[in-house]
Amino acid sequence: MSENEKTGLNNSTYNILSALGRDADFLYDTIDKYIRDAESANKSDLVELWKTIKNDRHKHIDLLKGALEKEIHQ
């Protein structure tokens, strides 16, 4: 059984949704905890690292949303 038969999605759409889900989970469930932990440990270098990663993940989500929009309207 192909992926399309299992989900009703082509591989490209499935991959975009999968990556979008992972990035969203990380952003909304994990990254703020990492930032708070680094702040509590008084590790400003790690705070900045996690904030940079958070900003990058937001950019990734925007890219993935754009790609998903293109996939849907093809």
PDB file of N, CA and C in Angstrom:
ATOM      1  N   MET A   1       0.855  -1.185   0.000  1.00  0.00           N
ATOM      2  CA  MET A   1       0.000   0.000   0.000  1.00  0.00           C
ATOM      3  C   MET A   1       0.894   1.239   0.000  1.00  0.00           C
ATOM      4  N   SER A   2       0.652   2.133  -0.924  1.00  0.00           N
ATOM      5  CA  SER A   2       1.465   3.351  -1.026  1.00  0.00           C
ATOM      6  C   SER A   2       1.035   4.370   0.027  1.00  0.00           C
ATOM      7  N   GLU A   3       1.898   5.369   0.241  1.00  0.00           N
ATOM      8  CA  GLU A   3       1.587   6.442   1.196  1.00  0.00           C
ATOM      9  C   GLU A   3       0.293   7.147   0.802  1.00  0.00           C
ATOM     10  N   ASN A   4       0.122   7.368  -0.487  1.00  0.00           N
ATOM     11  CA  ASN A   4      -1.080   8.032  -0.981  1.00  0.00           C
ATOM     12  C   ASN A   4      -2.328   7.234  -0.617  1.00  0.00           C
ATOM     13  N   GLU A   5      -2.245   5.915  -0.717  1.00  0.00           N
ATOM     14  CA  GLU A   5      -3.397   5.080  -0.369  1.00  0.00           C
ATOM     15  C   GLU A   5      -3.668   5.110   1.135  1.00  0.00           C
ATOM     16  N   LYS A   6      -2.624   5.216   1.935  1.00  0.00           N
ATOM     17  CA  LYS A   6      -2.780   5.236   3.392  1.00  0.00           C
ATOM     18  C   LYS A   6      -3.375   6.549   3.880  1.00  0.00           C
ATOM     19  N   THR A   7      -2.905   7.672   3.307  1.00  0.00           N
ATOM     20  CA  THR A   7      -3.271   8.980   3.847  1.00  0.00           C
ATOM     21  C   THR A   7      -4.126   9.818   2.919  1.00  0.00           C
ATOM     22  N   GLY A   8      -4.161   9.471   1.651  1.00  0.00           N
ATOM     23  CA  GLY A   8      -4.848  10.300   0.676  1.00  0.00           C
ATOM     24  C   GLY A   8      -4.014  11.501   0.259  1.00  0.00           C
ATOM     25  N   LEU A   9      -2.734  11.523   0.642  1.00  0.00           N
ATOM     26  CA  LEU A   9      -1.823  12.625   0.328  1.00  0.00           C
ATOM     27  C   LEU A   9      -0.686  12.120  -0.539  1.00  0.00           C
ATOM     28  N   ASN A  10      -0.197  12.970  -1.426  1.00  0.00           N
ATOM     29  CA  ASN A  10       1.017  12.579  -2.146  1.00  0.00           C
ATOM     30  C   ASN A  10       2.207  12.751  -1.210  1.00  0.00           C
ATOM     31  N   ASN A  11       3.336  12.171  -1.585  1.00  0.00           N
ATOM     32  CA  ASN A  11       4.517  12.191  -0.712  1.00  0.00           C
ATOM     33  C   ASN A  11       4.965  13.606  -0.378  1.00  0.00           C
ATOM     34  N   SER A  12       4.954  14.497  -1.360  1.00  0.00           N
ATOM     35  CA  SER A  12       5.416  15.873  -1.116  1.00  0.00           C
ATOM     36  C   SER A  12       4.553  16.569  -0.075  1.00  0.00           C
ATOM     37  N   THR A  13       3.247  16.450  -0.201  1.00  0.00           N
ATOM     38  CA  THR A  13       2.336  17.075   0.761  1.00  0.00           C
ATOM     39  C   THR A  13       2.511  16.465   2.146  1.00  0.00           C
ATOM     40  N   TYR A  14       2.611  15.150   2.192  1.00  0.00           N
ATOM     41  CA  TYR A  14       2.818  14.454   3.464  1.00  0.00           C
ATOM     42  C   TYR A  14       4.112  14.937   4.134  1.00  0.00           C
ATOM     43  N   ASN A  15       5.193  15.039   3.358  1.00  0.00           N
ATOM     44  CA  ASN A  15       6.482  15.469   3.915  1.00  0.00           C
ATOM     45  C   ASN A  15       6.406  16.880   4.476  1.00  0.00           C
ATOM     46  N   ILE A  16       5.748  17.770   3.751  1.00  0.00           N
ATOM     47  CA  ILE A  16       5.595  19.152   4.224  1.00  0.00           C
ATOM     48  C   ILE A  16       4.793  19.182   5.518  1.00  0.00           C
ATOM     49  N   LEU A  17       3.687  18.471   5.549  1.00  0.00           N
ATOM     50  CA  LEU A  17       2.858  18.440   6.763  1.00  0.00           C
ATOM     51  C   LEU A  17       3.616  17.840   7.937  1.00  0.00           C
ATOM     52  N   SER A  18       4.384  16.807   7.675  1.00  0.00           N
ATOM     53  CA  SER A  18       5.160  16.160   8.732  1.00  0.00           C
ATOM     54  C   SER A  18       6.198  17.125   9.317  1.00  0.00           C
ATOM     55  N   ALA A  19       6.945  17.808   8.439  1.00  0.00           N
ATOM     56  CA  ALA A  19       7.950  18.767   8.897  1.00  0.00           C
ATOM     57  C   ALA A  19       7.295  19.935   9.627  1.00  0.00           C
ATOM     58  N   LEU A  20       6.177  20.397   9.105  1.00  0.00           N
ATOM     59  CA  LEU A  20       5.448  21.492   9.738  1.00  0.00           C
ATOM     60  C   LEU A  20       5.004  21.095  11.143  1.00  0.00           C
ATOM     61  N   GLY A  21       4.521  19.891  11.281  1.00  0.00           N
ATOM     62  CA  GLY A  21       4.094  19.396  12.593  1.00  0.00           C
ATOM     63  C   GLY A  21       5.239  19.317  13.587  1.00  0.00           C
ATOM     64  N   ARG A  22       6.390  18.827  13.139  1.00  0.00           N
ATOM     65  CA  ARG A  22       7.556  18.731  14.035  1.00  0.00           C
ATOM     66  C   ARG A  22       8.013  20.113  14.482  1.00  0.00           C
ATOM     67  N   ASP A  23       8.116  21.046  13.532  1.00  0.00           N
ATOM     68  CA  ASP A  23       8.544  22.395  13.903  1.00  0.00           C
ATOM     69  C   ASP A  23       7.528  23.068  14.823  1.00  0.00           C
ATOM     70  N   ALA A  24       6.253  22.888  14.541  1.00  0.00           N
ATOM     71  CA  ALA A  24       5.215  23.494  15.377  1.00  0.00           C
ATOM     72  C   ALA A  24       5.255  22.912  16.790  1.00  0.00           C
ATOM     73  N   ASP A  25       5.398  21.599  16.906  1.00  0.00           N
ATOM     74  CA  ASP A  25       5.490  20.980  18.230  1.00  0.00           C
ATOM     75  C   ASP A  25       6.672  21.549  19.010  1.00  0.00           C
ATOM     76  N   PHE A  26       7.808  21.652  18.345  1.00  0.00           N
ATOM     77  CA  PHE A  26       9.000  22.173  19.004  1.00  0.00           C
ATOM     78  C   PHE A  26       8.783  23.607  19.464  1.00  0.00           C
ATOM     79  N   LEU A  27       8.187  24.422  18.593  1.00  0.00           N
ATOM     80  CA  LEU A  27       7.962  25.827  18.936  1.00  0.00           C
ATOM     81  C   LEU A  27       6.948  26.006  20.049  1.00  0.00           C
ATOM     82  N   TYR A  28       5.892  25.271  20.017  1.00  0.00           N
ATOM     83  CA  TYR A  28       4.792  25.538  20.939  1.00  0.00           C
ATOM     84  C   TYR A  28       4.821  24.674  22.189  1.00  0.00           C
ATOM     85  N   ASP A  29       5.633  23.617  22.194  1.00  0.00           N
ATOM     86  CA  ASP A  29       5.671  22.763  23.371  1.00  0.00           C
ATOM     87  C   ASP A  29       7.034  22.691  24.052  1.00  0.00           C
ATOM     88  N   THR A  30       8.111  23.061  23.367  1.00  0.00           N
ATOM     89  CA  THR A  30       9.443  22.775  23.882  1.00  0.00           C
ATOM     90  C   THR A  30      10.328  23.998  24.043  1.00  0.00           C
ATOM     91  N   ILE A  31      10.440  24.824  23.039  1.00  0.00           N
ATOM     92  CA  ILE A  31      11.481  25.854  22.998  1.00  0.00           C
ATOM     93  C   ILE A  31      11.391  26.844  24.158  1.00  0.00           C
ATOM     94  N   ASP A  32      10.196  27.243  24.547  1.00  0.00           N
ATOM     95  CA  ASP A  32      10.081  28.198  25.653  1.00  0.00           C
ATOM     96  C   ASP A  32      10.577  27.597  26.967  1.00  0.00           C
ATOM     97  N   LYS A  33      10.377  26.295  27.141  1.00  0.00           N
ATOM     98  CA  LYS A  33      10.905  25.613  28.331  1.00  0.00           C
ATOM     99  C   LYS A  33      12.434  25.656  28.314  1.00  0.00           C
ATOM    100  N   TYR A  34      13.025  25.415  27.154  1.00  0.00           N
ATOM    101  CA  TYR A  34      14.484  25.467  27.047  1.00  0.00           C
ATOM    102  C   TYR A  34      15.003  26.867  27.365  1.00  0.00           C
ATOM    103  N   ILE A  35      14.306  27.870  26.893  1.00  0.00           N
ATOM    104  CA  ILE A  35      14.705  29.250  27.173  1.00  0.00           C
ATOM    105  C   ILE A  35      14.606  29.533  28.665  1.00  0.00           C
ATOM    106  N   ARG A  36      13.493  29.131  29.284  1.00  0.00           N
ATOM    107  CA  ARG A  36      13.329  29.344  30.733  1.00  0.00           C
ATOM    108  C   ARG A  36      14.408  28.605  31.524  1.00  0.00           C
ATOM    109  N   ASP A  37      14.713  27.367  31.124  1.00  0.00           N
ATOM    110  CA  ASP A  37      15.746  26.602  31.816  1.00  0.00           C
ATOM    111  C   ASP A  37      17.096  27.308  31.723  1.00  0.00           C
ATOM    112  N   ALA A  38      17.428  27.811  30.546  1.00  0.00           N
ATOM    113  CA  ALA A  38      18.698  28.517  30.372  1.00  0.00           C
ATOM    114  C   ALA A  38      18.716  29.803  31.189  1.00  0.00           C
ATOM    115  N   GLU A  39      17.576  30.502  31.228  1.00  0.00           N
ATOM    116  CA  GLU A  39      17.488  31.716  32.050  1.00  0.00           C
ATOM    117  C   GLU A  39      17.660  31.382  33.521  1.00  0.00           C
ATOM    118  N   SER A  40      17.019  30.310  33.970  1.00  0.00           N
ATOM    119  CA  SER A  40      17.134  29.897  35.379  1.00  0.00           C
ATOM    120  C   SER A  40      18.558  29.516  35.740  1.00  0.00           C
ATOM    121  N   ALA A  41      19.273  28.946  34.784  1.00  0.00           N
ATOM    122  CA  ALA A  41      20.663  28.555  35.019  1.00  0.00           C
ATOM    123  C   ALA A  41      21.623  29.724  34.791  1.00  0.00           C
ATOM    124  N   ASN A  42      21.063  30.894  34.472  1.00  0.00           N
ATOM    125  CA  ASN A  42      21.853  32.099  34.221  1.00  0.00           C
ATOM    126  C   ASN A  42      22.884  31.879  33.107  1.00  0.00           C
ATOM    127  N   LYS A  43      22.419  31.224  32.030  1.00  0.00           N
ATOM    128  CA  LYS A  43      23.277  30.937  30.875  1.00  0.00           C
ATOM    129  C   LYS A  43      22.797  31.760  29.691  1.00  0.00           C
ATOM    130  N   SER A  44      23.238  33.012  29.664  1.00  0.00           N
ATOM    131  CA  SER A  44      22.758  33.935  28.645  1.00  0.00           C
ATOM    132  C   SER A  44      23.130  33.482  27.231  1.00  0.00           C
ATOM    133  N   ASP A  45      24.268  32.794  27.086  1.00  0.00           N
ATOM    134  CA  ASP A  45      24.644  32.303  25.762  1.00  0.00           C
ATOM    135  C   ASP A  45      23.633  31.271  25.255  1.00  0.00           C
ATOM    136  N   LEU A  46      23.139  30.416  26.143  1.00  0.00           N
ATOM    137  CA  LEU A  46      22.134  29.429  25.751  1.00  0.00           C
ATOM    138  C   LEU A  46      20.775  30.079  25.509  1.00  0.00           C
ATOM    139  N   VAL A  47      20.456  31.090  26.295  1.00  0.00           N
ATOM    140  CA  VAL A  47      19.204  31.821  26.069  1.00  0.00           C
ATOM    141  C   VAL A  47      19.207  32.371  24.650  1.00  0.00           C
ATOM    142  N   GLU A  48      20.298  32.995  24.258  1.00  0.00           N
ATOM    143  CA  GLU A  48      20.395  33.570  22.911  1.00  0.00           C
ATOM    144  C   GLU A  48      20.366  32.479  21.841  1.00  0.00           C
ATOM    145  N   LEU A  49      21.032  31.371  22.101  1.00  0.00           N
ATOM    146  CA  LEU A  49      21.007  30.248  21.165  1.00  0.00           C
ATOM    147  C   LEU A  49      19.581  29.771  20.926  1.00  0.00           C
ATOM    148  N   TRP A  50      18.836  29.517  22.009  1.00  0.00           N
ATOM    149  CA  TRP A  50      17.460  29.025  21.878  1.00  0.00           C
ATOM    150  C   TRP A  50      16.563  30.059  21.221  1.00  0.00           C
ATOM    151  N   LYS A  51      16.787  31.334  21.499  1.00  0.00           N
ATOM    152  CA  LYS A  51      15.982  32.372  20.849  1.00  0.00           C
ATOM    153  C   LYS A  51      16.277  32.439  19.350  1.00  0.00           C
ATOM    154  N   THR A  52      17.535  32.262  18.979  1.00  0.00           N
ATOM    155  CA  THR A  52      17.897  32.230  17.561  1.00  0.00           C
ATOM    156  C   THR A  52      17.245  31.042  16.870  1.00  0.00           C
ATOM    157  N   ILE A  53      17.292  29.889  17.501  1.00  0.00           N
ATOM    158  CA  ILE A  53      16.661  28.689  16.942  1.00  0.00           C
ATOM    159  C   ILE A  53      15.153  28.892  16.826  1.00  0.00           C
ATOM    160  N   LYS A  54      14.560  29.529  17.827  1.00  0.00           N
ATOM    161  CA  LYS A  54      13.122  29.805  17.788  1.00  0.00           C
ATOM    162  C   LYS A  54      12.785  30.680  16.580  1.00  0.00           C
ATOM    163  N   ASN A  55      13.557  31.733  16.364  1.00  0.00           N
ATOM    164  CA  ASN A  55      13.324  32.608  15.209  1.00  0.00           C
ATOM    165  C   ASN A  55      13.498  31.847  13.900  1.00  0.00           C
ATOM    166  N   ASP A  56      14.525  30.999  13.834  1.00  0.00           N
ATOM    167  CA  ASP A  56      14.750  30.200  12.629  1.00  0.00           C
ATOM    168  C   ASP A  56      13.578  29.253  12.371  1.00  0.00           C
ATOM    169  N   ARG A  57      13.073  28.626  13.421  1.00  0.00           N
ATOM    170  CA  ARG A  57      11.953  27.695  13.250  1.00  0.00           C
ATOM    171  C   ARG A  57      10.702  28.429  12.773  1.00  0.00           C
ATOM    172  N   HIS A  58      10.502  29.652  13.244  1.00  0.00           N
ATOM    173  CA  HIS A  58       9.377  30.453  12.745  1.00  0.00           C
ATOM    174  C   HIS A  58       9.533  30.690  11.244  1.00  0.00           C
ATOM    175  N   LYS A  59      10.752  30.971  10.810  1.00  0.00           N
ATOM    176  CA  LYS A  59      11.008  31.158   9.382  1.00  0.00           C
ATOM    177  C   LYS A  59      10.739  29.865   8.618  1.00  0.00           C
ATOM    178  N   HIS A  60      11.160  28.735   9.185  1.00  0.00           N
ATOM    179  CA  HIS A  60      10.914  27.439   8.549  1.00  0.00           C
ATOM    180  C   HIS A  60       9.418  27.187   8.399  1.00  0.00           C
ATOM    181  N   ILE A  61       8.666  27.507   9.434  1.00  0.00           N
ATOM    182  CA  ILE A  61       7.218  27.314   9.364  1.00  0.00           C
ATOM    183  C   ILE A  61       6.624  28.171   8.258  1.00  0.00           C
ATOM    184  N   ASP A  62       7.069  29.400   8.130  1.00  0.00           N
ATOM    185  CA  ASP A  62       6.577  30.256   7.049  1.00  0.00           C
ATOM    186  C   ASP A  62       6.903  29.659   5.685  1.00  0.00           C
ATOM    187  N   LEU A  63       8.130  29.139   5.526  1.00  0.00           N
ATOM    188  CA  LEU A  63       8.513  28.506   4.261  1.00  0.00           C
ATOM    189  C   LEU A  63       7.648  27.279   3.982  1.00  0.00           C
ATOM    190  N   LEU A  64       7.438  26.469   5.006  1.00  0.00           N
ATOM    191  CA  LEU A  64       6.631  25.261   4.838  1.00  0.00           C
ATOM    192  C   LEU A  64       5.175  25.589   4.530  1.00  0.00           C
ATOM    193  N   LYS A  65       4.640  26.621   5.163  1.00  0.00           N
ATOM    194  CA  LYS A  65       3.258  27.032   4.860  1.00  0.00           C
ATOM    195  C   LYS A  65       3.135  27.465   3.408  1.00  0.00           C
ATOM    196  N   GLY A  66       4.124  28.197   2.917  1.00  0.00           N
ATOM    197  CA  GLY A  66       4.116  28.609   1.522  1.00  0.00           C
ATOM    198  C   GLY A  66       4.188  27.416   0.584  1.00  0.00           C
ATOM    199  N   ALA A  67       5.047  26.458   0.918  1.00  0.00           N
ATOM    200  CA  ALA A  67       5.172  25.251   0.096  1.00  0.00           C
ATOM    201  C   ALA A  67       3.876  24.448   0.118  1.00  0.00           C
ATOM    202  N   LEU A  68       3.239  24.361   1.278  1.00  0.00           N
ATOM    203  CA  LEU A  68       1.976  23.630   1.387  1.00  0.00           C
ATOM    204  C   LEU A  68       0.891  24.300   0.549  1.00  0.00           C
ATOM    205  N   GLU A  69       0.863  25.608   0.589  1.00  0.00           N
ATOM    206  CA  GLU A  69      -0.115  26.365  -0.205  1.00  0.00           C
ATOM    207  C   GLU A  69       0.059  26.044  -1.696  1.00  0.00           C
ATOM    208  N   LYS A  70       1.301  26.004  -2.147  1.00  0.00           N
ATOM    209  CA  LYS A  70       1.576  25.670  -3.553  1.00  0.00           C
ATOM    210  C   LYS A  70       1.129  24.253  -3.873  1.00  0.00           C
ATOM    211  N   GLU A  71       1.417  23.319  -2.971  1.00  0.00           N
ATOM    212  CA  GLU A  71       1.025  21.923  -3.189  1.00  0.00           C
ATOM    213  C   GLU A  71      -0.484  21.766  -3.310  1.00  0.00           C
ATOM    214  N   ILE A  72      -1.189  22.462  -2.453  1.00  0.00           N
ATOM    215  CA  ILE A  72      -2.650  22.342  -2.429  1.00  0.00           C
ATOM    216  C   ILE A  72      -3.261  22.890  -3.702  1.00  0.00           C
ATOM    217  N   HIS A  73      -2.681  23.952  -4.254  1.00  0.00           N
ATOM    218  CA  HIS A  73      -3.274  24.634  -5.398  1.00  0.00           C
ATOM    219  C   HIS A  73      -2.685  24.187  -6.731  1.00  0.00           C
ATOM    220  N   GLN A  74      -1.971  23.084  -6.750  1.00  0.00           N
ATOM    221  CA  GLN A  74      -1.434  22.571  -8.021  1.00  0.00           C
ATOM    222  C   GLN A  74      -2.472  21.785  -8.761  1.00  0.00           C
TER     223      GLN A  74
END
